Amino acid sequence: MTAARRVLLKNHSSPLWKLSKAPSYVTSASSVNPTEVSHFNALASTWWDPYGPSRLLHLMNPLRHEFISSCHALKPHSSSHQNLRYLDIGCGGGIFAETAGRLRTTASVTAIDPSAEVIEVAKQHAKRDPLLQEEGKLQYLNKGIEDLEIPTRPEEQYDVVSLFEVIEHISTPGTFLKTCLP
């Protein structure tokens, strides 16, 4: 996607991605920092060790889901928290994406990361859980946000967009956030 940005708009209570002309300071360059990708590739084998370097991520997940649920409960005109569609940007080995996929309120999770190695770790770990093997429940994509296809139909739109432990690893945080947010 060149010279474009994603704009998150509110369509009643549902988010809507829209493609619009980018400001002149937004470039088509990727926000991915190759040094950071190498760093996380080195951690790939320990991603799912609950006592390893990613231990804190495992411990924070229940709080993250509780927070997201409480935010949805505050939405005006929210008839339900059911069938939520998640987009997990910078998913790493899938710690948050997998737990989101197991929630009874989740319809689907799309999890993206620029590291092919950690995406492969995530895919292999997800194969252990039959619930995550349901059609459309959890999809891992090896790409950055700049390369993600923009949903065009309401049923493709995301209800929850997460980017946990990501911004500090981005080469151009301002441009990255403009890509993710309105």
Protein backbone atom coordinates (compact mmCIF):
# COMPACT_ATOMS: atom_id res chain seq x y z
CA MET A 1 0.00 0.00 0.00
CA THR A 2 1.69 3.21 -1.09
CA ALA A 3 1.00 6.75 0.09
CA ALA A 4 -2.00 5.66 2.09
CA ARG A 5 -2.96 5.24 5.70
CA ARG A 6 -5.62 3.46 7.61
CA VAL A 7 -8.08 5.63 9.42
CA LEU A 8 -10.17 4.14 12.19
CA LEU A 9 -13.61 5.67 12.06
CA LYS A 10 -16.60 5.01 14.22
CA ASN A 11 -19.63 3.62 12.45
CA HIS A 12 -22.16 3.72 15.27
CA SER A 13 -20.44 1.48 17.81
CA SER A 14 -18.38 -0.51 15.31
CA PRO A 15 -14.91 0.39 14.05
CA LEU A 16 -14.42 0.84 10.33
CA TRP A 17 -11.14 0.89 8.43
CA LYS A 18 -11.03 3.38 5.58
CA LEU A 19 -8.29 4.08 3.07
CA SER A 20 -7.53 7.75 2.61
CA LYS A 21 -4.82 9.89 1.08
CA ALA A 22 -1.82 10.10 3.34
CA PRO A 23 -0.30 13.36 4.53
CA SER A 24 2.96 14.25 2.79
CA TYR A 25 5.03 13.18 5.80
CA VAL A 26 3.78 9.57 5.61
CA THR A 27 5.96 7.39 3.42
CA SER A 28 5.42 3.92 2.09
CA ALA A 29 8.46 2.73 4.06
CA SER A 30 7.89 0.00 6.58
CA SER A 31 7.91 0.75 10.30
CA VAL A 32 9.63 -2.58 10.96
CA ASN A 33 13.05 -2.36 12.59
CA PRO A 34 15.20 -5.27 11.31
CA THR A 35 17.34 -5.23 14.48
CA GLU A 36 14.24 -5.73 16.61
CA VAL A 37 13.05 -8.58 14.38
CA SER A 38 16.44 -10.28 14.89
CA HIS A 39 16.13 -9.80 18.65
CA PHE A 40 12.71 -11.49 18.74
CA ASN A 41 13.86 -14.26 16.40
CA ALA A 42 16.49 -15.09 19.03
CA LEU A 43 13.75 -15.39 21.66
CA ALA A 44 11.48 -17.55 19.48
CA SER A 45 12.38 -20.87 21.10
CA THR A 46 11.48 -19.58 24.58
CA TRP A 47 8.30 -17.68 23.70
CA TRP A 48 5.95 -20.19 25.33
CA ASP A 49 8.07 -20.90 28.43
CA PRO A 50 5.92 -19.43 31.25
CA TYR A 51 9.08 -19.01 33.35
CA GLY A 52 11.29 -17.67 30.55
CA PRO A 53 11.96 -14.20 29.15
CA SER A 54 8.29 -13.76 28.17
CA ARG A 55 6.96 -14.70 31.63
CA LEU A 56 5.51 -11.25 32.29
CA LEU A 57 3.49 -11.41 29.05
CA HIS A 58 1.91 -14.66 30.21
CA LEU A 59 1.07 -13.12 33.59
CA MET A 60 -0.44 -9.92 32.13
CA ASN A 61 -2.88 -11.62 29.75
CA PRO A 62 -5.76 -12.06 32.22
CA LEU A 63 -5.54 -8.35 33.12
CA ARG A 64 -5.47 -7.33 29.48
CA HIS A 65 -8.58 -9.34 28.68
CA GLU A 66 -10.36 -8.03 31.77
CA PHE A 67 -9.54 -4.45 30.71
CA ILE A 68 -10.78 -5.00 27.15
CA SER A 69 -13.98 -6.56 28.44
CA SER A 70 -14.61 -3.65 30.81
CA CYS A 71 -14.08 -1.16 27.97
CA HIS A 72 -16.61 -2.96 25.79
CA ALA A 73 -19.09 -2.96 28.67
CA LEU A 74 -18.92 0.87 28.70
CA LYS A 75 -19.66 1.28 24.98
CA PRO A 76 -22.97 3.03 24.35
CA HIS A 77 -25.48 0.97 22.39
CA SER A 78 -23.41 -2.14 22.97
CA SER A 79 -25.90 -4.98 22.88
CA SER A 80 -23.29 -7.64 23.39
CA HIS A 81 -19.63 -8.44 23.80
CA GLN A 82 -20.18 -11.57 21.70
CA ASN A 83 -18.50 -12.40 18.43
CA LEU A 84 -15.67 -9.91 18.78
CA ARG A 85 -13.11 -9.70 15.99
CA TYR A 86 -9.54 -9.02 17.15
CA LEU A 87 -6.54 -7.65 15.28
CA ASP A 88 -3.32 -8.26 17.22
CA ILE A 89 -0.54 -6.13 15.73
CA GLY A 90 2.97 -7.35 16.56
CA CYS A 91 1.64 -10.63 17.96
CA GLY A 92 5.04 -12.25 18.44
CA GLY A 93 4.67 -15.90 19.39
CA GLY A 94 0.92 -15.51 19.87
CA ILE A 95 0.57 -15.29 23.64
CA PHE A 96 -2.21 -12.70 23.55
CA ALA A 97 -3.71 -13.91 20.26
CA GLU A 98 -4.15 -17.48 21.49
CA THR A 99 -5.81 -16.47 24.74
CA ALA A 100 -8.10 -14.09 22.85
CA GLY A 101 -9.00 -16.92 20.49
CA ARG A 102 -10.06 -19.10 23.42
CA LEU A 103 -12.49 -16.55 24.87
CA ARG A 104 -16.17 -17.44 24.44
CA THR A 105 -16.78 -13.85 23.29
CA THR A 106 -14.32 -14.08 20.38
CA ALA A 107 -15.41 -14.71 16.80
CA SER A 108 -11.94 -14.44 15.27
CA VAL A 109 -8.38 -13.24 15.80
CA THR A 110 -6.08 -11.98 13.06
CA ALA A 111 -2.55 -11.78 14.42
CA ILE A 112 0.25 -10.15 12.44
CA ASP A 113 4.00 -9.92 12.98
CA PRO A 114 6.89 -9.07 10.65
CA SER A 115 9.02 -11.97 11.92
CA ALA A 116 8.49 -15.21 9.99
CA GLU A 117 10.31 -17.14 12.72
CA VAL A 118 8.06 -16.06 15.59
CA ILE A 119 4.93 -16.45 13.43
CA GLU A 120 6.00 -20.06 12.83
CA VAL A 121 6.40 -20.57 16.61
CA ALA A 122 2.90 -19.13 17.09
CA LYS A 123 1.39 -21.37 14.41
CA GLN A 124 3.02 -24.50 15.80
CA HIS A 125 1.87 -23.73 19.34
CA ALA A 126 -1.71 -23.02 18.22
CA LYS A 127 -1.87 -26.48 16.61
CA ARG A 128 -1.93 -27.94 20.14
CA ASP A 129 -5.39 -26.51 20.81
CA PRO A 130 -8.32 -27.95 18.83
CA LEU A 131 -10.47 -24.89 19.64
CA LEU A 132 -8.01 -22.68 17.77
CA GLN A 133 -8.21 -24.96 14.72
CA GLU A 134 -11.83 -24.01 14.02
CA GLU A 135 -12.20 -22.33 10.61
CA GLY A 136 -11.49 -18.60 10.91
CA LYS A 137 -10.86 -18.65 14.68
CA LEU A 138 -7.15 -17.72 14.64
CA GLN A 139 -5.14 -16.56 11.65
CA TYR A 140 -1.43 -15.73 11.83
CA LEU A 141 0.01 -13.54 9.08
CA ASN A 142 3.68 -12.74 8.52
CA LYS A 143 3.36 -9.04 7.66
CA GLY A 144 3.50 -5.55 9.10
CA ILE A 145 0.49 -3.28 9.51
CA GLU A 146 1.38 -1.40 6.34
CA ASP A 147 0.79 -4.58 4.33
CA LEU A 148 -2.47 -5.65 5.95
CA GLU A 149 -5.47 -5.62 3.67
CA ILE A 150 -8.04 -3.08 4.79
CA PRO A 151 -11.46 -4.58 5.59
CA THR A 152 -14.06 -3.38 3.11
CA ARG A 153 -17.24 -4.99 4.48
CA PRO A 154 -18.73 -4.51 7.95
CA GLU A 155 -18.32 -8.19 8.82
CA GLU A 156 -14.56 -7.87 8.17
CA GLN A 157 -14.06 -4.95 10.57
CA TYR A 158 -12.25 -5.32 13.90
CA ASP A 159 -13.80 -4.69 17.30
CA VAL A 160 -10.51 -4.87 19.20
CA VAL A 161 -7.12 -3.72 17.89
CA SER A 162 -4.19 -4.52 20.16
CA LEU A 163 -0.53 -3.58 19.93
CA PHE A 164 0.98 -4.76 23.19
CA GLU A 165 4.72 -4.37 23.68
CA VAL A 166 5.12 -3.03 20.15
CA ILE A 167 5.67 0.72 19.93
CA GLU A 168 9.06 0.62 21.66
CA HIS A 169 10.34 -1.68 18.89
CA ILE A 170 9.23 0.44 15.91
CA SER A 171 11.67 2.47 13.80
CA THR A 172 9.20 5.29 13.13
CA PRO A 173 6.61 5.30 15.94
CA GLY A 174 4.75 8.40 14.70
CA THR A 175 4.22 7.02 11.23
CA PHE A 176 3.34 3.62 12.66
CA LEU A 177 0.65 5.08 14.94
CA LYS A 178 -0.79 7.12 12.09
CA THR A 179 -1.12 3.83 10.22
CA CYS A 180 -2.93 2.20 13.16
CA LEU A 181 -5.04 5.06 14.48
CA PRO A 182 -7.24 7.85 13.09
